[in-house]
Amino acid sequence: QVQLVESGGGLVQAGGSLRLSCAASGRTFIRYSMGWFRQAPGKEREFVAGISWSGGSTSYADSVKGRFTISRDNAKNTVYLQMNSLNFEDTAVYYCAVKLYGSSWLPDAMNFWGKGTLVTVAS
């Protein structure tokens, strides 16, 4: 089992920035990829960004490319999501997730989830 705890969410004005963190505990010696997802009210959970174990490979949803940056610190078992130029459409609950194997970043492909942190962007 891997436990994930997100933090860093909050209320921000449009055009502002936030940095989310996700701390992992449990079976952290296992090499795994990690991702960020989000779910807005009335919408399905969607992929935002993903990063490989080494950090050498990253993926982003088109809607956040150039604005969001995913990174990780394996010594701290933590993954980050730096979010810049936020807009109202970025309002959602943000979740981090662990993927043990495979190349898909679909939500169904994730093995463990955090409980989420709310990001609200005021227009």
Protein backbone atom coordinates (compact mmCIF):
# COMPACT_ATOMS: atom_id res chain seq x y z
CA GLN A 1 0.00 0.00 0.00
CA VAL A 2 1.00 3.57 -0.66
CA GLN A 3 -0.57 6.45 1.23
CA LEU A 4 -0.72 9.85 -0.46
CA VAL A 5 -1.47 13.20 1.16
CA GLU A 6 -1.94 16.32 -0.94
CA SER A 7 -1.47 19.87 0.31
CA GLY A 8 -1.12 23.40 -1.01
CA GLY A 9 -4.59 24.02 -2.36
CA GLY A 10 -6.52 27.19 -1.66
CA LEU A 11 -8.10 30.29 -3.10
CA VAL A 12 -6.13 32.28 -5.67
CA GLN A 13 -6.92 35.13 -8.03
CA ALA A 14 -6.93 34.52 -11.76
CA GLY A 15 -3.41 34.89 -13.11
CA GLY A 16 -1.89 33.78 -9.83
CA SER A 17 0.15 30.74 -8.86
CA LEU A 18 0.00 27.83 -6.45
CA ARG A 19 2.27 24.89 -5.72
CA LEU A 20 0.72 21.61 -4.73
CA SER A 21 2.61 18.91 -2.88
CA CYS A 22 1.90 15.21 -2.49
CA ALA A 23 3.73 13.25 0.17
CA ALA A 24 3.89 9.48 -0.19
CA SER A 25 4.36 6.94 2.57
CA GLY A 26 4.15 3.19 2.85
CA ARG A 27 5.74 1.13 0.13
CA THR A 28 7.86 4.03 -1.04
CA PHE A 29 10.81 1.82 -1.93
CA ILE A 30 8.88 0.69 -4.98
CA ARG A 31 9.76 2.63 -8.10
CA TYR A 32 6.60 4.15 -9.47
CA SER A 33 5.35 6.93 -11.66
CA MET A 34 3.16 9.61 -10.15
CA GLY A 35 0.52 11.85 -11.58
CA TRP A 36 -1.79 14.73 -10.83
CA PHE A 37 -5.44 14.64 -11.77
CA ARG A 38 -8.32 17.02 -11.17
CA GLN A 39 -12.06 16.89 -10.95
CA ALA A 40 -14.27 19.92 -11.33
CA PRO A 41 -17.88 19.94 -10.11
CA GLY A 42 -20.10 17.92 -12.42
CA LYS A 43 -17.17 16.71 -14.51
CA GLU A 44 -15.16 13.53 -14.72
CA ARG A 45 -11.71 13.21 -13.22
CA GLU A 46 -9.07 14.15 -15.77
CA PHE A 47 -5.33 13.78 -16.16
CA VAL A 48 -3.25 16.90 -15.54
CA ALA A 49 0.40 15.86 -15.41
CA GLY A 50 2.55 12.79 -14.87
CA ILE A 51 6.17 12.04 -14.08
CA SER A 52 8.31 8.93 -14.22
CA TRP A 53 10.25 7.51 -11.25
CA SER A 54 13.48 9.15 -12.36
CA GLY A 55 11.80 12.42 -13.25
CA GLY A 56 13.26 12.15 -16.72
CA SER A 57 9.91 11.77 -18.43
CA THR A 58 6.91 14.05 -17.96
CA SER A 59 3.51 14.32 -19.60
CA TYR A 60 0.93 17.10 -19.54
CA ALA A 61 -2.63 17.64 -20.58
CA ASP A 62 -2.90 20.12 -23.42
CA SER A 63 -4.93 22.46 -21.24
CA VAL A 64 -2.02 22.99 -18.81
CA LYS A 65 1.05 22.80 -21.04
CA GLY A 66 3.27 25.79 -20.57
CA ARG A 67 1.53 26.77 -17.33
CA PHE A 68 1.97 23.78 -15.00
CA THR A 69 5.16 21.94 -14.09
CA ILE A 70 5.37 18.58 -12.36
CA SER A 71 8.47 17.58 -10.42
CA ARG A 72 9.48 15.13 -7.73
CA ASP A 73 11.97 14.72 -4.91
CA ASN A 74 12.45 11.02 -4.30
CA ALA A 75 14.54 11.64 -1.18
CA LYS A 76 11.44 13.25 0.33
CA ASN A 77 8.95 10.90 -1.35
CA THR A 78 7.15 13.97 -2.62
CA VAL A 79 5.79 15.11 -5.95
CA TYR A 80 4.95 18.71 -6.75
CA LEU A 81 2.73 20.57 -9.18
CA GLN A 82 3.67 24.19 -9.82
CA MET A 83 0.67 25.96 -11.31
CA ASN A 84 1.09 29.36 -12.93
CA SER A 85 -1.26 31.65 -14.84
CA LEU A 86 -4.25 30.04 -13.20
CA ASN A 87 -7.68 30.67 -14.64
CA PHE A 88 -11.23 29.93 -13.57
CA GLU A 89 -11.30 26.70 -15.54
CA ASP A 90 -8.51 25.33 -13.31
CA THR A 91 -10.88 25.30 -10.33
CA ALA A 92 -11.14 21.70 -9.15
CA VAL A 93 -10.16 19.18 -6.54
CA TYR A 94 -6.63 18.06 -7.37
CA TYR A 95 -5.57 14.51 -6.67
CA CYS A 96 -2.21 12.82 -6.83
CA ALA A 97 -1.94 9.19 -7.79
CA VAL A 98 0.58 6.40 -8.08
CA LYS A 99 0.96 4.22 -11.13
CA LEU A 100 2.88 1.00 -10.54
CA TYR A 101 3.17 -0.11 -14.17
CA GLY A 102 2.05 0.65 -17.71
CA SER A 103 2.14 3.74 -19.89
CA SER A 104 -1.47 4.89 -19.64
CA TRP A 105 -2.37 8.01 -17.70
CA LEU A 106 -6.06 7.25 -17.63
CA PRO A 107 -7.54 7.43 -14.11
CA ASP A 108 -8.41 3.72 -14.23
CA ALA A 109 -4.72 2.90 -14.70
CA MET A 110 -3.73 4.42 -11.35
CA ASN A 111 -3.19 2.14 -8.36
CA PHE A 112 -3.34 4.49 -5.36
CA TRP A 113 -4.99 7.86 -4.80
CA GLY A 114 -4.83 10.68 -2.32
CA LYS A 115 -7.94 12.36 -0.96
CA GLY A 116 -7.40 15.58 -2.89
CA THR A 117 -6.89 19.26 -2.26
CA LEU A 118 -9.25 21.98 -3.46
CA VAL A 119 -8.01 24.72 -5.75
CA THR A 120 -10.37 27.63 -6.32
CA VAL A 121 -9.51 30.31 -8.84
CA ALA A 122 -11.44 33.55 -8.47
CA SER A 123 -12.15 35.30 -11.74
